[in-house]
Amino acid sequence: MKIRMMLAAFFLLLLSGCSIEEDPVEADQTIAAVQVQFINPDEFKKKEIPLEVEVTQDKKPVEDASFVRFEIWRDGERKDSRMIDAKHIGEGHYTAQATVKKKGVYYVYAHTEAHGLHIMPKQKIEVQ
């Protein structure tokens, strides 16, 4: 019985020495949020729509977003949405061109992934 108790105590002592030590995250080490702001207007008189967003983090341009993709669909036709890859044009700006077939109200998500965060602001656009 003494041997079992000694073995149990030994293993408990051994396990307590094998804990994983992590660096504590302090409150002032939080990651600043990535901001995505649409630059384009919300009304167009033509069916060619230039789409543009500005991506920033801590008020500085994000030049290395993993991706920016615009998802566009006509009001009431979300199942027919399509994705358009954006091109980085500098100073945190990403742009693409969309062409629509009909006049009406459209919605656009700017699916953006930067620095491990996924942000997807939405904009309502009217094509006249």
Protein backbone atom coordinates (compact mmCIF):
# COMPACT_ATOMS: atom_id res chain seq x y z
CA MET A 1 0.00 0.00 0.00
CA LYS A 2 2.89 2.38 0.81
CA ILE A 3 4.40 1.75 -2.63
CA ARG A 4 1.15 2.73 -4.36
CA MET A 5 0.89 5.95 -2.38
CA MET A 6 4.53 6.78 -3.09
CA LEU A 7 4.04 6.10 -6.83
CA ALA A 8 0.87 8.24 -6.90
CA ALA A 9 2.67 11.09 -5.14
CA PHE A 10 5.61 10.75 -7.54
CA PHE A 11 3.35 10.93 -10.62
CA LEU A 12 1.45 13.92 -9.23
CA LEU A 13 4.73 15.69 -8.61
CA LEU A 14 5.91 14.79 -12.10
CA LEU A 15 2.68 16.02 -13.75
CA SER A 16 2.71 19.32 -11.87
CA GLY A 17 6.15 20.07 -13.30
CA CYS A 18 4.93 19.51 -16.88
CA SER A 19 2.41 22.32 -17.08
CA ILE A 20 2.36 24.45 -20.23
CA GLU A 21 3.45 27.98 -19.57
CA GLU A 22 1.87 30.66 -21.77
CA ASP A 23 2.78 34.29 -22.04
CA PRO A 24 0.11 36.34 -20.33
CA VAL A 25 -1.62 38.85 -22.62
CA GLU A 26 -1.82 42.24 -21.02
CA ALA A 27 -4.70 44.62 -21.61
CA ASP A 28 -2.52 47.10 -23.50
CA GLN A 29 -1.39 44.41 -25.97
CA THR A 30 -4.77 44.07 -27.68
CA ILE A 31 -4.88 43.93 -31.47
CA ALA A 32 -6.33 47.02 -33.12
CA ALA A 33 -9.43 46.33 -35.19
CA VAL A 34 -9.17 46.33 -38.95
CA GLN A 35 -11.49 48.94 -40.48
CA VAL A 36 -12.99 48.61 -43.98
CA GLN A 37 -14.66 51.69 -45.44
CA PHE A 38 -16.46 51.89 -48.79
CA ILE A 39 -15.15 54.76 -50.95
CA ASN A 40 -17.60 54.51 -53.87
CA PRO A 41 -20.90 56.43 -53.95
CA ASP A 42 -24.20 54.65 -53.32
CA GLU A 43 -25.90 55.79 -56.57
CA PHE A 44 -24.88 55.12 -60.16
CA LYS A 45 -26.48 56.14 -63.45
CA LYS A 46 -24.70 53.45 -65.45
CA LYS A 47 -24.43 49.68 -65.20
CA GLU A 48 -20.64 49.72 -64.80
CA ILE A 49 -19.97 50.05 -61.07
CA PRO A 50 -16.48 50.79 -59.74
CA LEU A 51 -16.17 49.30 -56.25
CA GLU A 52 -13.53 50.51 -53.81
CA VAL A 53 -12.74 50.13 -50.12
CA GLU A 54 -10.06 51.53 -47.87
CA VAL A 55 -8.60 49.06 -45.37
CA THR A 56 -6.89 50.43 -42.26
CA GLN A 57 -5.69 49.20 -38.89
CA ASP A 58 -4.87 51.64 -36.11
CA LYS A 59 -5.50 54.44 -38.66
CA LYS A 60 -2.70 53.13 -40.91
CA PRO A 61 -3.27 51.69 -44.42
CA VAL A 62 -3.26 47.90 -44.67
CA GLU A 63 -1.09 47.03 -47.66
CA ASP A 64 -1.06 43.27 -47.14
CA ALA A 65 -4.67 42.11 -46.83
CA SER A 66 -4.93 38.35 -47.45
CA PHE A 67 -7.87 39.07 -49.74
CA VAL A 68 -10.62 41.55 -50.57
CA ARG A 69 -13.60 40.19 -52.51
CA PHE A 70 -16.77 42.04 -53.37
CA GLU A 71 -19.98 40.01 -53.25
CA ILE A 72 -22.77 41.73 -55.20
CA TRP A 73 -26.42 40.85 -55.72
CA ARG A 74 -29.68 42.52 -56.76
CA ASP A 75 -32.24 43.11 -54.01
CA GLY A 76 -34.24 39.92 -53.50
CA GLU A 77 -31.79 37.81 -55.53
CA ARG A 78 -29.13 36.94 -52.95
CA LYS A 79 -28.93 33.36 -54.22
CA ASP A 80 -27.60 34.78 -57.50
CA SER A 81 -24.78 36.76 -55.86
CA ARG A 82 -21.34 36.74 -57.43
CA MET A 83 -17.85 37.31 -56.07
CA ILE A 84 -15.35 39.69 -57.65
CA ASP A 85 -11.72 39.73 -56.52
CA ALA A 86 -10.36 43.18 -55.74
CA LYS A 87 -6.98 44.50 -56.76
CA HIS A 88 -4.70 46.39 -54.35
CA ILE A 89 -3.94 49.83 -55.80
CA GLY A 90 -1.92 51.25 -52.90
CA GLU A 91 -2.35 53.17 -49.65
CA GLY A 92 -4.81 50.60 -48.29
CA HIS A 93 -7.18 50.91 -51.27
CA TYR A 94 -8.64 47.84 -53.00
CA THR A 95 -10.79 48.10 -56.11
CA ALA A 96 -12.80 46.07 -58.62
CA GLN A 97 -15.30 46.65 -61.40
CA ALA A 98 -18.83 45.20 -61.39
CA THR A 99 -21.27 45.15 -64.28
CA VAL A 100 -25.00 44.76 -63.65
CA LYS A 101 -27.69 43.94 -66.20
CA LYS A 102 -30.68 45.75 -64.71
CA LYS A 103 -31.47 48.95 -62.90
CA GLY A 104 -32.44 48.61 -59.27
CA VAL A 105 -31.14 48.23 -55.75
CA TYR A 106 -28.01 46.14 -55.20
CA TYR A 107 -26.09 45.10 -52.11
CA VAL A 108 -22.35 44.64 -51.83
CA TYR A 109 -20.34 42.89 -49.13
CA ALA A 110 -16.62 43.66 -49.05
CA HIS A 111 -15.30 40.34 -47.73
CA THR A 112 -11.92 41.36 -46.33
CA GLU A 113 -9.33 39.29 -44.51
CA ALA A 114 -6.37 41.09 -43.01
CA HIS A 115 -4.03 40.24 -40.16
CA GLY A 116 -6.08 37.20 -39.16
CA LEU A 117 -9.41 39.07 -39.02
CA HIS A 118 -12.38 38.70 -41.39
CA ILE A 119 -14.48 41.83 -41.86
CA MET A 120 -17.44 42.15 -44.22
CA PRO A 121 -19.12 45.56 -44.32
CA LYS A 122 -22.22 45.90 -46.48
CA GLN A 123 -23.26 48.74 -48.79
CA LYS A 124 -26.57 49.43 -50.51
CA ILE A 125 -26.22 50.73 -54.09
CA GLU A 126 -28.90 52.08 -56.40
CA VAL A 127 -28.39 51.79 -60.15
CA GLN A 128 -30.67 54.19 -62.04
